[in-house]
Each structure stands twice: as structure tokens, then as C-alpha cells.
Amino acid sequence: MIFGKKKTGLRKEYDRALVFQIDKAKIDWDTARNSEAALLDGQVNLRLIQAQTALARAKFNYLYREARRRKTVGHMQTHVLKTDRI
């Protein structure tokens, strides 16, 4: 290259960030599902809790599909293996 280093690691860096975001989204989704199950009998707005759970699931599904589209290779944690089919 004439003007500096070739940026070969940029895709790998973004793939690592994507895998990190997927892990975080999965944990958020699991937390939302557990909260929804725990708060079903309480005096809270059930639709709000269900909407938050649906949003967390949609975020996880979007990130997961994006990783599959990009053919990103990452680690597979046990909490990801136990999910329902998407």
C-alpha cells in the first residue's frame, strides 16, 4: 500500500463486536423472559413486560441473522444452545 497499512483486521474486529452484541442480546432476552414469568402475577402492566420481552427477542434474532449472513465464526455458549428455534 502506498498510504499506510492495509486494513485486513477490520472485518475480524467487527465480527468480534457482533459476537459480543449477540451474547449481550441473548442475556438480555433471557433476563426479560425470566422477568416476564416472575411478574405475571404482580400488579404491573403485563403488556409492557411482554413488549420488552418481544423487543429483546427481536434484537437477538436480528443480530443472529446478521451473523449468519456474514458467516461469522464465534464461540457458542451453553445458554445459546438451549434457546427455542428461531
N, C-alpha and C. Protein backbone atom coordinates (compact mmCIF):
# COMPACT_ATOMS: atom_id res chain seq x y z
N MET A 1 0.84 -1.18 0.00
CA MET A 1 0.00 0.00 0.00
C MET A 1 0.88 1.24 0.00
N ILE A 2 0.39 2.23 -0.64
CA ILE A 2 1.13 3.47 -0.73
C ILE A 2 0.93 4.33 0.51
N PHE A 3 -0.28 4.37 1.03
CA PHE A 3 -0.62 5.30 2.10
C PHE A 3 -0.77 4.65 3.47
N GLY A 4 -0.05 3.63 3.79
CA GLY A 4 -0.11 3.06 5.12
C GLY A 4 -0.42 1.58 5.11
N LYS A 5 -0.77 1.10 6.29
CA LYS A 5 -1.04 -0.33 6.45
C LYS A 5 -2.35 -0.72 5.79
N LYS A 6 -2.37 -1.91 5.29
CA LYS A 6 -3.60 -2.47 4.76
C LYS A 6 -4.49 -2.89 5.93
N LYS A 7 -5.76 -2.57 5.87
CA LYS A 7 -6.66 -2.82 6.99
C LYS A 7 -7.35 -4.17 6.82
N THR A 8 -6.60 -5.24 7.09
CA THR A 8 -7.16 -6.59 6.94
C THR A 8 -7.94 -7.02 8.16
N GLY A 9 -7.65 -6.45 9.32
CA GLY A 9 -8.29 -6.88 10.55
C GLY A 9 -9.61 -6.20 10.83
N LEU A 10 -10.06 -5.32 9.95
CA LEU A 10 -11.28 -4.57 10.21
C LEU A 10 -12.51 -5.48 10.26
N ARG A 11 -12.62 -6.42 9.33
CA ARG A 11 -13.76 -7.33 9.33
C ARG A 11 -13.76 -8.21 10.58
N LYS A 12 -12.59 -8.69 10.96
CA LYS A 12 -12.49 -9.53 12.16
C LYS A 12 -12.88 -8.74 13.41
N GLU A 13 -12.48 -7.48 13.45
CA GLU A 13 -12.83 -6.64 14.60
C GLU A 13 -14.34 -6.46 14.69
N TYR A 14 -15.00 -6.20 13.57
CA TYR A 14 -16.45 -6.04 13.58
C TYR A 14 -17.17 -7.36 13.84
N ASP A 15 -16.60 -8.46 13.39
CA ASP A 15 -17.19 -9.77 13.70
C ASP A 15 -17.12 -10.06 15.19
N ARG A 16 -16.01 -9.72 15.82
CA ARG A 16 -15.90 -9.91 17.28
C ARG A 16 -16.91 -9.03 18.02
N ALA A 17 -17.08 -7.81 17.53
CA ALA A 17 -18.06 -6.92 18.15
C ALA A 17 -19.47 -7.46 17.97
N LEU A 18 -19.76 -8.03 16.80
CA LEU A 18 -21.07 -8.62 16.54
C LEU A 18 -21.34 -9.81 17.45
N VAL A 19 -20.35 -10.67 17.63
CA VAL A 19 -20.50 -11.82 18.52
C VAL A 19 -20.73 -11.35 19.96
N PHE A 20 -20.02 -10.32 20.38
CA PHE A 20 -20.22 -9.76 21.72
C PHE A 20 -21.65 -9.23 21.87
N GLN A 21 -22.14 -8.51 20.86
CA GLN A 21 -23.50 -7.97 20.91
C GLN A 21 -24.55 -9.08 20.93
N ILE A 22 -24.28 -10.17 20.22
CA ILE A 22 -25.20 -11.32 20.23
C ILE A 22 -25.27 -11.91 21.63
N ASP A 23 -24.11 -12.08 22.26
CA ASP A 23 -24.09 -12.62 23.63
C ASP A 23 -24.86 -11.72 24.59
N LYS A 24 -24.65 -10.42 24.47
CA LYS A 24 -25.34 -9.47 25.33
C LYS A 24 -26.84 -9.49 25.07
N ALA A 25 -27.24 -9.56 23.79
CA ALA A 25 -28.66 -9.60 23.46
C ALA A 25 -29.31 -10.88 23.97
N LYS A 26 -28.60 -11.98 23.93
CA LYS A 26 -29.13 -13.25 24.44
C LYS A 26 -29.35 -13.18 25.94
N ILE A 27 -28.40 -12.61 26.64
CA ILE A 27 -28.55 -12.47 28.09
C ILE A 27 -29.72 -11.54 28.41
N ASP A 28 -29.85 -10.44 27.66
CA ASP A 28 -30.97 -9.52 27.87
C ASP A 28 -32.31 -10.20 27.61
N TRP A 29 -32.35 -11.02 26.57
CA TRP A 29 -33.59 -11.73 26.24
C TRP A 29 -33.95 -12.74 27.34
N ASP A 30 -32.95 -13.48 27.80
CA ASP A 30 -33.19 -14.43 28.89
C ASP A 30 -33.68 -13.72 30.15
N THR A 31 -33.08 -12.60 30.46
CA THR A 31 -33.49 -11.82 31.63
C THR A 31 -34.93 -11.33 31.47
N ALA A 32 -35.27 -10.86 30.28
CA ALA A 32 -36.63 -10.38 30.03
C ALA A 32 -37.64 -11.52 30.14
N ARG A 33 -37.30 -12.70 29.63
CA ARG A 33 -38.21 -13.84 29.75
C ARG A 33 -38.40 -14.25 31.20
N ASN A 34 -37.31 -14.26 31.95
CA ASN A 34 -37.42 -14.61 33.37
C ASN A 34 -38.23 -13.57 34.14
N SER A 35 -38.04 -12.31 33.82
CA SER A 35 -38.80 -11.24 34.47
C SER A 35 -40.28 -11.35 34.13
N GLU A 36 -40.57 -11.65 32.87
CA GLU A 36 -41.96 -11.80 32.45
C GLU A 36 -42.64 -12.94 33.21
N ALA A 37 -41.94 -14.04 33.34
CA ALA A 37 -42.51 -15.18 34.05
C ALA A 37 -42.71 -14.85 35.53
N ALA A 38 -41.79 -14.11 36.11
CA ALA A 38 -41.88 -13.79 37.53
C ALA A 38 -42.94 -12.74 37.82
N LEU A 39 -43.21 -11.86 36.88
CA LEU A 39 -44.11 -10.74 37.12
C LEU A 39 -45.53 -10.97 36.60
N LEU A 40 -45.84 -12.17 36.14
CA LEU A 40 -47.17 -12.44 35.61
C LEU A 40 -48.26 -12.26 36.66
N ASP A 41 -47.96 -12.57 37.90
CA ASP A 41 -48.96 -12.48 38.95
C ASP A 41 -48.96 -11.14 39.66
N GLY A 42 -48.02 -10.27 39.35
CA GLY A 42 -47.90 -8.99 40.07
C GLY A 42 -48.86 -7.93 39.55
N GLN A 43 -48.78 -6.78 40.14
CA GLN A 43 -49.62 -5.65 39.78
C GLN A 43 -48.88 -4.72 38.82
N VAL A 44 -48.34 -5.27 37.77
CA VAL A 44 -47.60 -4.47 36.79
C VAL A 44 -48.33 -4.51 35.46
N ASN A 45 -47.95 -3.63 34.58
CA ASN A 45 -48.54 -3.59 33.25
C ASN A 45 -47.98 -4.77 32.43
N LEU A 46 -48.79 -5.79 32.25
CA LEU A 46 -48.35 -7.01 31.59
C LEU A 46 -47.97 -6.77 30.13
N ARG A 47 -48.70 -5.90 29.45
CA ARG A 47 -48.37 -5.62 28.04
C ARG A 47 -47.01 -4.98 27.89
N LEU A 48 -46.63 -4.13 28.82
CA LEU A 48 -45.32 -3.50 28.78
C LEU A 48 -44.22 -4.55 28.95
N ILE A 49 -44.39 -5.45 29.87
CA ILE A 49 -43.40 -6.51 30.11
C ILE A 49 -43.30 -7.41 28.88
N GLN A 50 -44.43 -7.76 28.29
CA GLN A 50 -44.42 -8.61 27.10
C GLN A 50 -43.78 -7.88 25.92
N ALA A 51 -44.01 -6.59 25.81
CA ALA A 51 -43.40 -5.81 24.73
C ALA A 51 -41.89 -5.74 24.89
N GLN A 52 -41.43 -5.59 26.11
CA GLN A 52 -39.99 -5.56 26.35
C GLN A 52 -39.34 -6.91 26.03
N THR A 53 -40.03 -7.99 26.36
CA THR A 53 -39.53 -9.33 26.03
C THR A 53 -39.49 -9.53 24.52
N ALA A 54 -40.54 -9.09 23.84
CA ALA A 54 -40.59 -9.22 22.37
C ALA A 54 -39.49 -8.39 21.72
N LEU A 55 -39.23 -7.21 22.25
CA LEU A 55 -38.16 -6.36 21.71
C LEU A 55 -36.79 -7.02 21.91
N ALA A 56 -36.56 -7.59 23.07
CA ALA A 56 -35.28 -8.26 23.33
C ALA A 56 -35.10 -9.46 22.39
N ARG A 57 -36.19 -10.20 22.16
CA ARG A 57 -36.11 -11.35 21.26
C ARG A 57 -35.85 -10.90 19.82
N ALA A 58 -36.52 -9.84 19.39
CA ALA A 58 -36.33 -9.34 18.03
C ALA A 58 -34.90 -8.85 17.82
N LYS A 59 -34.34 -8.20 18.82
CA LYS A 59 -32.95 -7.73 18.73
C LYS A 59 -31.99 -8.90 18.60
N PHE A 60 -32.20 -9.93 19.43
CA PHE A 60 -31.33 -11.11 19.36
C PHE A 60 -31.45 -11.78 17.99
N ASN A 61 -32.68 -11.96 17.51
CA ASN A 61 -32.89 -12.61 16.22
C ASN A 61 -32.24 -11.83 15.08
N TYR A 62 -32.35 -10.50 15.12
CA TYR A 62 -31.73 -9.68 14.08
C TYR A 62 -30.22 -9.85 14.08
N LEU A 63 -29.61 -9.76 15.25
CA LEU A 63 -28.16 -9.89 15.33
C LEU A 63 -27.70 -11.29 14.91
N TYR A 64 -28.47 -12.30 15.31
CA TYR A 64 -28.13 -13.68 14.95
C TYR A 64 -28.20 -13.89 13.44
N ARG A 65 -29.26 -13.37 12.81
CA ARG A 65 -29.37 -13.49 11.34
C ARG A 65 -28.25 -12.73 10.64
N GLU A 66 -27.89 -11.57 11.16
CA GLU A 66 -26.79 -10.81 10.56
C GLU A 66 -25.48 -11.58 10.65
N ALA A 67 -25.24 -12.22 11.77
CA ALA A 67 -24.02 -13.03 11.91
C ALA A 67 -24.04 -14.21 10.94
N ARG A 68 -25.18 -14.82 10.76
CA ARG A 68 -25.27 -15.93 9.80
C ARG A 68 -25.07 -15.45 8.38
N ARG A 69 -25.61 -14.27 8.07
CA ARG A 69 -25.45 -13.71 6.72
C ARG A 69 -23.97 -13.42 6.44
N ARG A 70 -23.29 -12.93 7.45
CA ARG A 70 -21.87 -12.60 7.31
C ARG A 70 -20.96 -13.81 7.47
N LYS A 71 -21.55 -14.96 7.83
CA LYS A 71 -20.80 -16.20 8.08
C LYS A 71 -19.73 -15.98 9.15
N THR A 72 -20.15 -15.30 10.21
CA THR A 72 -19.26 -15.01 11.33
C THR A 72 -19.06 -16.26 12.16
N VAL A 73 -17.83 -16.52 12.49
CA VAL A 73 -17.50 -17.65 13.33
C VAL A 73 -17.17 -17.10 14.71
N GLY A 74 -17.85 -17.63 15.70
CA GLY A 74 -17.62 -17.19 17.07
C GLY A 74 -17.75 -18.36 18.00
N HIS A 75 -17.70 -18.09 19.27
CA HIS A 75 -17.86 -19.14 20.27
C HIS A 75 -19.35 -19.37 20.52
N MET A 76 -19.69 -20.57 20.88
CA MET A 76 -21.08 -20.90 21.18
C MET A 76 -21.17 -21.22 22.65
N GLN A 77 -21.92 -20.40 23.36
CA GLN A 77 -22.05 -20.61 24.79
C GLN A 77 -23.22 -21.52 25.06
N THR A 78 -23.23 -22.12 26.23
CA THR A 78 -24.27 -23.09 26.55
C THR A 78 -25.63 -22.44 26.65
N HIS A 79 -25.73 -21.19 27.07
CA HIS A 79 -27.04 -20.56 27.15
C HIS A 79 -27.62 -20.29 25.77
N VAL A 80 -26.80 -20.20 24.74
CA VAL A 80 -27.30 -20.02 23.39
C VAL A 80 -27.82 -21.34 22.84
N LEU A 81 -27.22 -22.44 23.23
CA LEU A 81 -27.63 -23.74 22.72
C LEU A 81 -29.00 -24.16 23.25
N LYS A 82 -29.44 -23.60 24.37
CA LYS A 82 -30.69 -24.02 25.00
C LYS A 82 -31.89 -23.21 24.52
N THR A 83 -31.74 -22.34 23.54
CA THR A 83 -32.84 -21.47 23.12
C THR A 83 -33.85 -22.24 22.28
N ASP A 84 -35.00 -21.64 22.13
CA ASP A 84 -36.03 -22.18 21.23
C ASP A 84 -35.56 -21.97 19.79
N ARG A 85 -36.18 -22.66 18.91
CA ARG A 85 -35.83 -22.48 17.49
C ARG A 85 -36.28 -21.12 17.05
N ILE A 86 -35.47 -20.49 16.24
CA ILE A 86 -35.76 -19.12 15.80
C ILE A 86 -36.60 -19.13 14.55
